[in-house]
């Protein structure tokens, strides 16, 4: 059986969470926390001997393609539509003095 949630535990958790709980909210929080602990106890009853541990629910695979150069050294076609070019490079206005 799960550990019983005490008033001290509720006080401690409410301080950590910076919550100001009235009596009704404290009772509801105690009830909710007790339900959580009971559920964890229920999960601990499951047989997980043959279950592999997971770091992620889905298998993690690299979905990126290989980085392969496809246009190579095609300088003339790359510069064909450039408004201005000089010495086989794009020519742009000077931006820094």
PDB file of N, CA and C in Angstrom:
ATOM      1  N   UNK A   1       0.848  -1.187   0.000  1.00  0.00           N
ATOM      2  CA  UNK A   1       0.000   0.000   0.000  1.00  0.00           C
ATOM      3  C   UNK A   1       0.886   1.241   0.000  1.00  0.00           C
ATOM      4  N   UNK A   2       0.418   2.253  -0.667  1.00  0.00           N
ATOM      5  CA  UNK A   2       1.175   3.495  -0.769  1.00  0.00           C
ATOM      6  C   UNK A   2       1.242   4.192   0.589  1.00  0.00           C
ATOM      7  N   UNK A   3       2.320   4.948   0.748  1.00  0.00           N
ATOM      8  CA  UNK A   3       2.506   5.724   1.971  1.00  0.00           C
ATOM      9  C   UNK A   3       1.361   6.720   2.130  1.00  0.00           C
ATOM     10  N   UNK A   4       0.920   6.909   3.338  1.00  0.00           N
ATOM     11  CA  UNK A   4      -0.177   7.843   3.629  1.00  0.00           C
ATOM     12  C   UNK A   4       0.349   9.268   3.529  1.00  0.00           C
ATOM     13  N   UNK A   5      -0.365  10.113   2.811  1.00  0.00           N
ATOM     14  CA  UNK A   5       0.003  11.521   2.661  1.00  0.00           C
ATOM     15  C   UNK A   5      -0.382  12.257   3.939  1.00  0.00           C
ATOM     16  N   UNK A   6       0.596  12.921   4.544  1.00  0.00           N
ATOM     17  CA  UNK A   6       0.347  13.617   5.813  1.00  0.00           C
ATOM     18  C   UNK A   6       0.211  15.115   5.577  1.00  0.00           C
ATOM     19  N   UNK A   7      -0.241  15.815   6.617  1.00  0.00           N
ATOM     20  CA  UNK A   7      -0.343  17.275   6.541  1.00  0.00           C
ATOM     21  C   UNK A   7       1.023  17.912   6.321  1.00  0.00           C
ATOM     22  N   UNK A   8       2.055  17.321   6.926  1.00  0.00           N
ATOM     23  CA  UNK A   8       3.408  17.855   6.754  1.00  0.00           C
ATOM     24  C   UNK A   8       3.852  17.767   5.297  1.00  0.00           C
ATOM     25  N   UNK A   9       3.509  16.657   4.635  1.00  0.00           N
ATOM     26  CA  UNK A   9       3.866  16.501   3.222  1.00  0.00           C
ATOM     27  C   UNK A   9       3.136  17.535   2.370  1.00  0.00           C
ATOM     28  N   UNK A  10       1.863  17.750   2.653  1.00  0.00           N
ATOM     29  CA  UNK A  10       1.090  18.750   1.911  1.00  0.00           C
ATOM     30  C   UNK A  10       1.697  20.137   2.122  1.00  0.00           C
ATOM     31  N   UNK A  11       2.070  20.445   3.363  1.00  0.00           N
ATOM     32  CA  UNK A  11       2.696  21.736   3.654  1.00  0.00           C
ATOM     33  C   UNK A  11       4.002  21.894   2.877  1.00  0.00           C
ATOM     34  N   UNK A  12       4.814  20.842   2.886  1.00  0.00           N
ATOM     35  CA  UNK A  12       6.107  20.889   2.215  1.00  0.00           C
ATOM     36  C   UNK A  12       5.942  21.083   0.708  1.00  0.00           C
ATOM     37  N   UNK A  13       5.059  20.309   0.105  1.00  0.00           N
ATOM     38  CA  UNK A  13       4.830  20.404  -1.341  1.00  0.00           C
ATOM     39  C   UNK A  13       4.250  21.766  -1.695  1.00  0.00           C
ATOM     40  N   UNK A  14       3.341  22.277  -0.881  1.00  0.00           N
ATOM     41  CA  UNK A  14       2.746  23.588  -1.182  1.00  0.00           C
ATOM     42  C   UNK A  14       3.784  24.707  -1.069  1.00  0.00           C
ATOM     43  N   UNK A  15       4.739  24.557  -0.152  1.00  0.00           N
ATOM     44  CA  UNK A  15       5.829  25.543  -0.053  1.00  0.00           C
ATOM     45  C   UNK A  15       6.709  25.466  -1.300  1.00  0.00           C
ATOM     46  N   UNK A  16       7.062  24.246  -1.716  1.00  0.00           N
ATOM     47  CA  UNK A  16       7.898  24.081  -2.912  1.00  0.00           C
ATOM     48  C   UNK A  16       7.206  24.629  -4.155  1.00  0.00           C
ATOM     49  N   UNK A  17       5.884  24.421  -4.241  1.00  0.00           N
ATOM     50  CA  UNK A  17       5.127  24.869  -5.412  1.00  0.00           C
ATOM     51  C   UNK A  17       4.644  26.303  -5.260  1.00  0.00           C
ATOM     52  N   UNK A  18       4.963  26.912  -4.119  1.00  0.00           N
ATOM     53  CA  UNK A  18       4.542  28.293  -3.836  1.00  0.00           C
ATOM     54  C   UNK A  18       3.031  28.443  -3.975  1.00  0.00           C
ATOM     55  N   UNK A  19       2.314  27.510  -3.319  1.00  0.00           N
ATOM     56  CA  UNK A  19       0.860  27.518  -3.327  1.00  0.00           C
ATOM     57  C   UNK A  19       0.348  27.905  -1.957  1.00  0.00           C
ATOM     58  N   UNK A  20      -0.693  28.696  -1.936  1.00  0.00           N
ATOM     59  CA  UNK A  20      -1.362  29.049  -0.690  1.00  0.00           C
ATOM     60  C   UNK A  20      -2.714  28.346  -0.712  1.00  0.00           C
ATOM     61  N   UNK A  21      -2.794  27.200  -0.041  1.00  0.00           N
ATOM     62  CA  UNK A  21      -3.988  26.365  -0.098  1.00  0.00           C
ATOM     63  C   UNK A  21      -4.877  26.587   1.119  1.00  0.00           C
ATOM     64  N   UNK A  22      -6.178  26.702   0.862  1.00  0.00           N
ATOM     65  CA  UNK A  22      -7.109  26.733   1.989  1.00  0.00           C
ATOM     66  C   UNK A  22      -7.414  25.288   2.394  1.00  0.00           C
ATOM     67  N   UNK A  23      -8.233  25.090   3.429  1.00  0.00           N
ATOM     68  CA  UNK A  23      -8.491  23.741   3.958  1.00  0.00           C
ATOM     69  C   UNK A  23      -9.107  22.817   2.905  1.00  0.00           C
ATOM     70  N   UNK A  24     -10.035  23.342   2.130  1.00  0.00           N
ATOM     71  CA  UNK A  24     -10.698  22.518   1.106  1.00  0.00           C
ATOM     72  C   UNK A  24      -9.687  22.102   0.038  1.00  0.00           C
ATOM     73  N   UNK A  25      -8.837  23.023  -0.385  1.00  0.00           N
ATOM     74  CA  UNK A  25      -7.824  22.714  -1.397  1.00  0.00           C
ATOM     75  C   UNK A  25      -6.782  21.744  -0.857  1.00  0.00           C
ATOM     76  N   UNK A  26      -6.441  21.875   0.416  1.00  0.00           N
ATOM     77  CA  UNK A  26      -5.478  20.944   1.035  1.00  0.00           C
ATOM     78  C   UNK A  26      -6.040  19.526   1.043  1.00  0.00           C
ATOM     79  N   UNK A  27      -7.323  19.406   1.391  1.00  0.00           N
ATOM     80  CA  UNK A  27      -7.957  18.077   1.407  1.00  0.00           C
ATOM     81  C   UNK A  27      -7.987  17.485   0.000  1.00  0.00           C
ATOM     82  N   UNK A  28      -8.314  18.297  -0.985  1.00  0.00           N
ATOM     83  CA  UNK A  28      -8.362  17.830  -2.377  1.00  0.00           C
ATOM     84  C   UNK A  28      -6.960  17.441  -2.853  1.00  0.00           C
ATOM     85  N   UNK A  29      -5.952  18.234  -2.500  1.00  0.00           N
ATOM     86  CA  UNK A  29      -4.574  17.914  -2.886  1.00  0.00           C
ATOM     87  C   UNK A  29      -4.122  16.612  -2.243  1.00  0.00           C
ATOM     88  N   UNK A  30      -4.465  16.410  -0.966  1.00  0.00           N
ATOM     89  CA  UNK A  30      -4.102  15.173  -0.275  1.00  0.00           C
ATOM     90  C   UNK A  30      -4.765  13.970  -0.966  1.00  0.00           C
ATOM     91  N   UNK A  31      -6.020  14.133  -1.308  1.00  0.00           N
ATOM     92  CA  UNK A  31      -6.757  13.054  -1.976  1.00  0.00           C
ATOM     93  C   UNK A  31      -6.137  12.738  -3.335  1.00  0.00           C
ATOM     94  N   UNK A  32      -5.809  13.781  -4.114  1.00  0.00           N
ATOM     95  CA  UNK A  32      -5.205  13.580  -5.438  1.00  0.00           C
ATOM     96  C   UNK A  32      -3.829  12.926  -5.336  1.00  0.00           C
ATOM     97  N   UNK A  33      -3.021  13.366  -4.381  1.00  0.00           N
ATOM     98  CA  UNK A  33      -1.690  12.778  -4.209  1.00  0.00           C
ATOM     99  C   UNK A  33      -1.789  11.320  -3.784  1.00  0.00           C
ATOM    100  N   UNK A  34      -2.743  11.019  -2.931  1.00  0.00           N
ATOM    101  CA  UNK A  34      -2.928   9.639  -2.492  1.00  0.00           C
ATOM    102  C   UNK A  34      -3.351   8.758  -3.669  1.00  0.00           C
ATOM    103  N   UNK A  35      -4.198   9.285  -4.550  1.00  0.00           N
ATOM    104  CA  UNK A  35      -4.608   8.533  -5.744  1.00  0.00           C
ATOM    105  C   UNK A  35      -3.404   8.261  -6.645  1.00  0.00           C
ATOM    106  N   UNK A  36      -2.522   9.260  -6.775  1.00  0.00           N
ATOM    107  CA  UNK A  36      -1.324   9.081  -7.602  1.00  0.00           C
ATOM    108  C   UNK A  36      -0.439   7.974  -7.034  1.00  0.00           C
ATOM    109  N   UNK A  37      -0.213   8.007  -5.726  1.00  0.00           N
ATOM    110  CA  UNK A  37       0.630   6.979  -5.107  1.00  0.00           C
ATOM    111  C   UNK A  37       0.003   5.601  -5.221  1.00  0.00           C
ATOM    112  N   UNK A  38      -1.302   5.519  -5.057  1.00  0.00           N
ATOM    113  CA  UNK A  38      -1.992   4.234  -5.203  1.00  0.00           C
ATOM    114  C   UNK A  38      -1.858   3.705  -6.624  1.00  0.00           C
ATOM    115  N   UNK A  39      -1.933   4.592  -7.606  1.00  0.00           N
ATOM    116  CA  UNK A  39      -1.785   4.183  -8.998  1.00  0.00           C
ATOM    117  C   UNK A  39      -0.369   3.672  -9.260  1.00  0.00           C
ATOM    118  N   UNK A  40       0.624   4.330  -8.696  1.00  0.00           N
ATOM    119  CA  UNK A  40       2.007   3.870  -8.851  1.00  0.00           C
ATOM    120  C   UNK A  40       2.180   2.495  -8.226  1.00  0.00           C
ATOM    121  N   UNK A  41       1.569   2.276  -7.070  1.00  0.00           N
ATOM    122  CA  UNK A  41       1.611   0.945  -6.454  1.00  0.00           C
ATOM    123  C   UNK A  41       0.983  -0.088  -7.367  1.00  0.00           C
ATOM    124  N   UNK A  42      -0.107   0.272  -8.012  1.00  0.00           N
ATOM    125  CA  UNK A  42      -0.779  -0.644  -8.938  1.00  0.00           C
ATOM    126  C   UNK A  42       0.136  -0.968 -10.114  1.00  0.00           C
ATOM    127  N   UNK A  43       0.835   0.031 -10.631  1.00  0.00           N
ATOM    128  CA  UNK A  43       1.767  -0.204 -11.733  1.00  0.00           C
ATOM    129  C   UNK A  43       2.924  -1.105 -11.307  1.00  0.00           C
ATOM    130  N   UNK A  44       3.355  -0.998 -10.067  1.00  0.00           N
ATOM    131  CA  UNK A  44       4.456  -1.836  -9.571  1.00  0.00           C
ATOM    132  C   UNK A  44       4.074  -3.298  -9.496  1.00  0.00           C
ATOM    133  N   UNK A  45       2.794  -3.609  -9.557  1.00  0.00           N
ATOM    134  CA  UNK A  45       2.343  -5.000  -9.538  1.00  0.00           C
ATOM    135  C   UNK A  45       2.536  -5.688 -10.888  1.00  0.00           C
ATOM    136  N   UNK A  46       2.752  -4.924 -11.950  1.00  0.00           N
ATOM    137  CA  UNK A  46       2.901  -5.490 -13.290  1.00  0.00           C
ATOM    138  C   UNK A  46       4.221  -6.239 -13.426  1.00  0.00           C
ATOM    139  N   UNK A  47       4.185  -7.327 -14.198  1.00  0.00           N
ATOM    140  CA  UNK A  47       5.383  -8.104 -14.476  1.00  0.00           C
ATOM    141  C   UNK A  47       6.124  -7.459 -15.656  1.00  0.00           C
ATOM    142  N   UNK A  48       7.260  -6.872 -15.386  1.00  0.00           N
ATOM    143  CA  UNK A  48       8.032  -6.195 -16.429  1.00  0.00           C
ATOM    144  C   UNK A  48       9.393  -6.850 -16.656  1.00  0.00           C
ATOM    145  N   UNK A  49       9.510  -8.115 -16.294  1.00  0.00           N
ATOM    146  CA  UNK A  49      10.790  -8.811 -16.390  1.00  0.00           C
ATOM    147  C   UNK A  49      11.289  -8.865 -17.832  1.00  0.00           C
ATOM    148  N   UNK A  50      10.416  -9.181 -18.793  1.00  0.00           N
ATOM    149  CA  UNK A  50      10.830  -9.337 -20.191  1.00  0.00           C
ATOM    150  C   UNK A  50      10.621  -8.074 -21.018  1.00  0.00           C
ATOM    151  N   UNK A  51      10.416  -6.942 -20.385  1.00  0.00           N
ATOM    152  CA  UNK A  51      10.177  -5.695 -21.105  1.00  0.00           C
ATOM    153  C   UNK A  51      11.484  -4.909 -21.178  1.00  0.00           C
ATOM    154  N   UNK A  52      11.859  -4.550 -22.418  1.00  0.00           N
ATOM    155  CA  UNK A  52      13.079  -3.773 -22.623  1.00  0.00           C
ATOM    156  C   UNK A  52      12.863  -2.328 -22.165  1.00  0.00           C
ATOM    157  N   UNK A  53      13.832  -1.745 -21.480  1.00  0.00           N
ATOM    158  CA  UNK A  53      13.704  -0.327 -21.102  1.00  0.00           C
ATOM    159  C   UNK A  53      13.719   0.561 -22.346  1.00  0.00           C
ATOM    160  N   UNK A  54      12.958   1.640 -22.299  1.00  0.00           N
ATOM    161  CA  UNK A  54      12.876   2.568 -23.419  1.00  0.00           C
ATOM    162  C   UNK A  54      13.388   3.942 -23.017  1.00  0.00           C
ATOM    163  N   UNK A  55      14.043   4.599 -23.933  1.00  0.00           N
ATOM    164  CA  UNK A  55      14.381   6.000 -23.711  1.00  0.00           C
ATOM    165  C   UNK A  55      13.389   6.885 -24.451  1.00  0.00           C
ATOM    166  N   UNK A  56      12.679   6.279 -25.420  1.00  0.00           N
ATOM    167  CA  UNK A  56      11.687   7.006 -26.196  1.00  0.00           C
ATOM    168  C   UNK A  56      10.646   6.006 -26.666  1.00  0.00           C
ATOM    169  N   UNK A  57       9.403   6.438 -26.770  1.00  0.00           N
ATOM    170  CA  UNK A  57       8.338   5.507 -27.138  1.00  0.00           C
ATOM    171  C   UNK A  57       8.469   5.027 -28.583  1.00  0.00           C
ATOM    172  N   UNK A  58       9.026   5.855 -29.449  1.00  0.00           N
ATOM    173  CA  UNK A  58       9.238   5.474 -30.843  1.00  0.00           C
ATOM    174  C   UNK A  58      10.715   5.187 -31.068  1.00  0.00           C
ATOM    175  N   UNK A  59      10.990   4.323 -32.044  1.00  0.00           N
ATOM    176  CA  UNK A  59      12.398   4.054 -32.332  1.00  0.00           C
ATOM    177  C   UNK A  59      13.013   5.309 -32.934  1.00  0.00           C
ATOM    178  N   UNK A  60      14.186   5.647 -32.466  1.00  0.00           N
ATOM    179  CA  UNK A  60      14.850   6.875 -32.905  1.00  0.00           C
ATOM    180  C   UNK A  60      15.802   6.519 -34.041  1.00  0.00           C
ATOM    181  N   UNK A  61      15.566   7.141 -35.189  1.00  0.00           N
ATOM    182  CA  UNK A  61      16.416   6.901 -36.347  1.00  0.00           C
ATOM    183  C   UNK A  61      16.808   8.237 -36.950  1.00  0.00           C
ATOM    184  N   UNK A  62      17.937   8.268 -37.602  1.00  0.00           N
ATOM    185  CA  UNK A  62      18.354   9.464 -38.302  1.00  0.00           C
ATOM    186  C   UNK A  62      17.532   9.562 -39.584  1.00  0.00           C
ATOM    187  N   UNK A  63      16.734  10.620 -39.709  1.00  0.00           N
ATOM    188  CA  UNK A  63      15.862  10.770 -40.874  1.00  0.00           C
ATOM    189  C   UNK A  63      16.456  11.705 -41.923  1.00  0.00           C
ATOM    190  N   UNK A  64      17.653  12.164 -41.704  1.00  0.00           N
ATOM    191  CA  UNK A  64      18.277  13.070 -42.649  1.00  0.00           C
ATOM    192  C   UNK A  64      18.982  12.285 -43.749  1.00  0.00           C
ATOM    193  N   UNK A  65      18.977  12.839 -44.941  1.00  0.00           N
ATOM    194  CA  UNK A  65      19.682  12.205 -46.056  1.00  0.00           C
ATOM    195  C   UNK A  65      21.165  12.545 -45.976  1.00  0.00           C
ATOM    196  N   UNK A  66      21.951  11.825 -46.691  1.00  0.00           N
ATOM    197  CA  UNK A  66      23.373  12.119 -46.772  1.00  0.00           C
ATOM    198  C   UNK A  66      23.557  13.479 -47.432  1.00  0.00           C
ATOM    199  N   UNK A  67      24.538  14.226 -47.011  1.00  0.00           N
ATOM    200  CA  UNK A  67      24.833  15.526 -47.587  1.00  0.00           C
ATOM    201  C   UNK A  67      25.777  15.321 -48.771  1.00  0.00           C
ATOM    202  N   UNK A  68      25.184  15.248 -49.945  1.00  0.00           N
ATOM    203  CA  UNK A  68      25.951  14.983 -51.156  1.00  0.00           C
ATOM    204  C   UNK A  68      25.847  16.209 -52.060  1.00  0.00           C
ATOM    205  N   UNK A  69      26.982  16.667 -52.556  1.00  0.00           N
ATOM    206  CA  UNK A  69      27.005  17.806 -53.471  1.00  0.00           C
ATOM    207  C   UNK A  69      26.466  17.339 -54.812  1.00  0.00           C
ATOM    208  N   UNK A  70      25.422  18.038 -55.298  1.00  0.00           N
ATOM    209  CA  UNK A  70      24.833  17.629 -56.579  1.00  0.00           C
ATOM    210  C   UNK A  70      25.138  18.597 -57.711  1.00  0.00           C
ATOM    211  N   UNK A  71      25.396  19.872 -57.390  1.00  0.00           N
ATOM    212  CA  UNK A  71      25.657  20.827 -58.467  1.00  0.00           C
ATOM    213  C   UNK A  71      27.148  21.117 -58.647  1.00  0.00           C
ATOM    214  N   UNK A  72      27.969  20.644 -57.772  1.00  0.00           N
ATOM    215  CA  UNK A  72      29.412  20.748 -57.904  1.00  0.00           C
ATOM    216  C   UNK A  72      29.921  22.131 -58.255  1.00  0.00           C
ATOM    217  N   UNK A  73      30.879  22.178 -59.169  1.00  0.00           N
ATOM    218  CA  UNK A  73      31.519  23.437 -59.556  1.00  0.00           C
ATOM    219  C   UNK A  73      30.863  23.939 -60.848  1.00  0.00           C
ATOM    220  N   UNK A  74      29.623  24.397 -60.732  1.00  0.00           N
ATOM    221  CA  UNK A  74      28.867  24.873 -61.890  1.00  0.00           C
ATOM    222  C   UNK A  74      28.751  26.394 -61.809  1.00  0.00           C
ATOM    223  N   UNK A  75      29.880  27.036 -61.682  1.00  0.00           N
ATOM    224  CA  UNK A  75      29.948  28.476 -61.442  1.00  0.00           C
ATOM    225  C   UNK A  75      29.233  29.290 -62.526  1.00  0.00           C
ATOM    226  N   UNK A  76      29.374  28.928 -63.771  1.00  0.00           N
ATOM    227  CA  UNK A  76      28.774  29.708 -64.858  1.00  0.00           C
ATOM    228  C   UNK A  76      27.246  29.723 -64.749  1.00  0.00           C
ATOM    229  N   UNK A  77      26.634  28.588 -64.487  1.00  0.00           N
ATOM    230  CA  UNK A  77      25.172  28.538 -64.354  1.00  0.00           C
ATOM    231  C   UNK A  77      24.704  29.248 -63.087  1.00  0.00           C
ATOM    232  N   UNK A  78      25.480  29.145 -62.017  1.00  0.00           N
ATOM    233  CA  UNK A  78      25.106  29.802 -60.762  1.00  0.00           C
ATOM    234  C   UNK A  78      25.136  31.313 -60.932  1.00  0.00           C
ATOM    235  N   UNK A  79      26.132  31.823 -61.621  1.00  0.00           N
ATOM    236  CA  UNK A  79      26.270  33.269 -61.809  1.00  0.00           C
ATOM    237  C   UNK A  79      25.487  33.800 -63.011  1.00  0.00           C
ATOM    238  N   UNK A  80      24.814  32.948 -63.750  1.00  0.00           N
ATOM    239  CA  UNK A  80      24.139  33.369 -64.980  1.00  0.00           C
ATOM    240  C   UNK A  80      23.107  34.459 -64.726  1.00  0.00           C
ATOM    241  N   UNK A  81      22.373  34.403 -63.642  1.00  0.00           N
ATOM    242  CA  UNK A  81      21.324  35.389 -63.366  1.00  0.00           C
ATOM    243  C   UNK A  81      21.743  36.461 -62.373  1.00  0.00           C
ATOM    244  N   UNK A  82      23.030  36.504 -62.039  1.00  0.00           N
ATOM    245  CA  UNK A  82      23.501  37.509 -61.091  1.00  0.00           C
ATOM    246  C   UNK A  82      23.430  38.888 -61.730  1.00  0.00           C
ATOM    247  N   UNK A  83      22.902  39.907 -61.009  1.00  0.00           N
ATOM    248  CA  UNK A  83      22.839  41.250 -61.592  1.00  0.00           C
ATOM    249  C   UNK A  83      24.225  41.805 -61.895  1.00  0.00           C
ATOM    250  N   UNK A  84      25.189  41.533 -61.004  1.00  0.00           N
ATOM    251  CA  UNK A  84      26.569  41.980 -61.233  1.00  0.00           C
ATOM    252  C   UNK A  84      27.514  40.868 -60.776  1.00  0.00           C
ATOM    253  N   UNK A  85      28.564  40.676 -61.522  1.00  0.00           N
ATOM    254  CA  UNK A  85      29.570  39.683 -61.143  1.00  0.00           C
ATOM    255  C   UNK A  85      30.949  40.219 -61.476  1.00  0.00           C
ATOM    256  N   UNK A  86      31.932  39.722 -60.718  1.00  0.00           N
ATOM    257  CA  UNK A  86      33.308  40.182 -60.919  1.00  0.00           C
ATOM    258  C   UNK A  86      34.239  39.036 -60.540  1.00  0.00           C
ATOM    259  N   UNK A  87      35.121  38.662 -61.399  1.00  0.00           N
ATOM    260  CA  UNK A  87      36.114  37.605 -61.156  1.00  0.00           C
ATOM    261  C   UNK A  87      35.462  36.293 -60.735  1.00  0.00           C
ATOM    262  N   UNK A  88      34.326  35.954 -61.343  1.00  0.00           N
ATOM    263  CA  UNK A  88      33.663  34.685 -61.055  1.00  0.00           C
ATOM    264  C   UNK A  88      32.951  34.656 -59.713  1.00  0.00           C
ATOM    265  N   UNK A  89      32.618  35.835 -59.183  1.00  0.00           N
ATOM    266  CA  UNK A  89      31.919  35.917 -57.900  1.00  0.00           C
ATOM    267  C   UNK A  89      30.783  36.916 -58.010  1.00  0.00           C
ATOM    268  N   UNK A  90      29.812  36.816 -57.083  1.00  0.00           N
ATOM    269  CA  UNK A  90      28.751  37.820 -57.005  1.00  0.00           C
ATOM    270  C   UNK A  90      29.367  39.132 -56.555  1.00  0.00           C
ATOM    271  N   UNK A  91      28.962  40.221 -57.184  1.00  0.00           N
ATOM    272  CA  UNK A  91      29.430  41.531 -56.753  1.00  0.00           C
ATOM    273  C   UNK A  91      28.243  42.234 -56.097  1.00  0.00           C
ATOM    274  N   UNK A  92      28.438  42.670 -54.860  1.00  0.00           N
ATOM    275  CA  UNK A  92      27.381  43.331 -54.097  1.00  0.00           C
ATOM    276  C   UNK A  92      27.876  44.695 -53.635  1.00  0.00           C
ATOM    277  N   UNK A  93      26.924  45.595 -53.320  1.00  0.00           N
ATOM    278  CA  UNK A  93      27.356  46.916 -52.832  1.00  0.00           C
ATOM    279  C   UNK A  93      28.109  46.808 -51.518  1.00  0.00           C
ATOM    280  N   UNK A  94      29.023  47.708 -51.310  1.00  0.00           N
ATOM    281  CA  UNK A  94      29.791  47.761 -50.087  1.00  0.00           C
ATOM    282  C   UNK A  94      28.854  48.137 -48.937  1.00  0.00           C
ATOM    283  N   UNK A  95      28.913  47.398 -47.820  1.00  0.00           N
ATOM    284  CA  UNK A  95      28.015  47.656 -46.697  1.00  0.00           C
ATOM    285  C   UNK A  95      28.756  48.167 -45.460  1.00  0.00           C
ATOM    286  N   UNK A  96      30.054  48.007 -45.407  1.00  0.00           N
ATOM    287  CA  UNK A  96      30.831  48.419 -44.240  1.00  0.00           C
ATOM    288  C   UNK A  96      31.877  49.425 -44.700  1.00  0.00           C
ATOM    289  N   UNK A  97      31.985  50.509 -43.988  1.00  0.00           N
ATOM    290  CA  UNK A  97      32.991  51.528 -44.312  1.00  0.00           C
ATOM    291  C   UNK A  97      34.307  51.184 -43.664  1.00  0.00           C
TER     292      UNK A  97
END
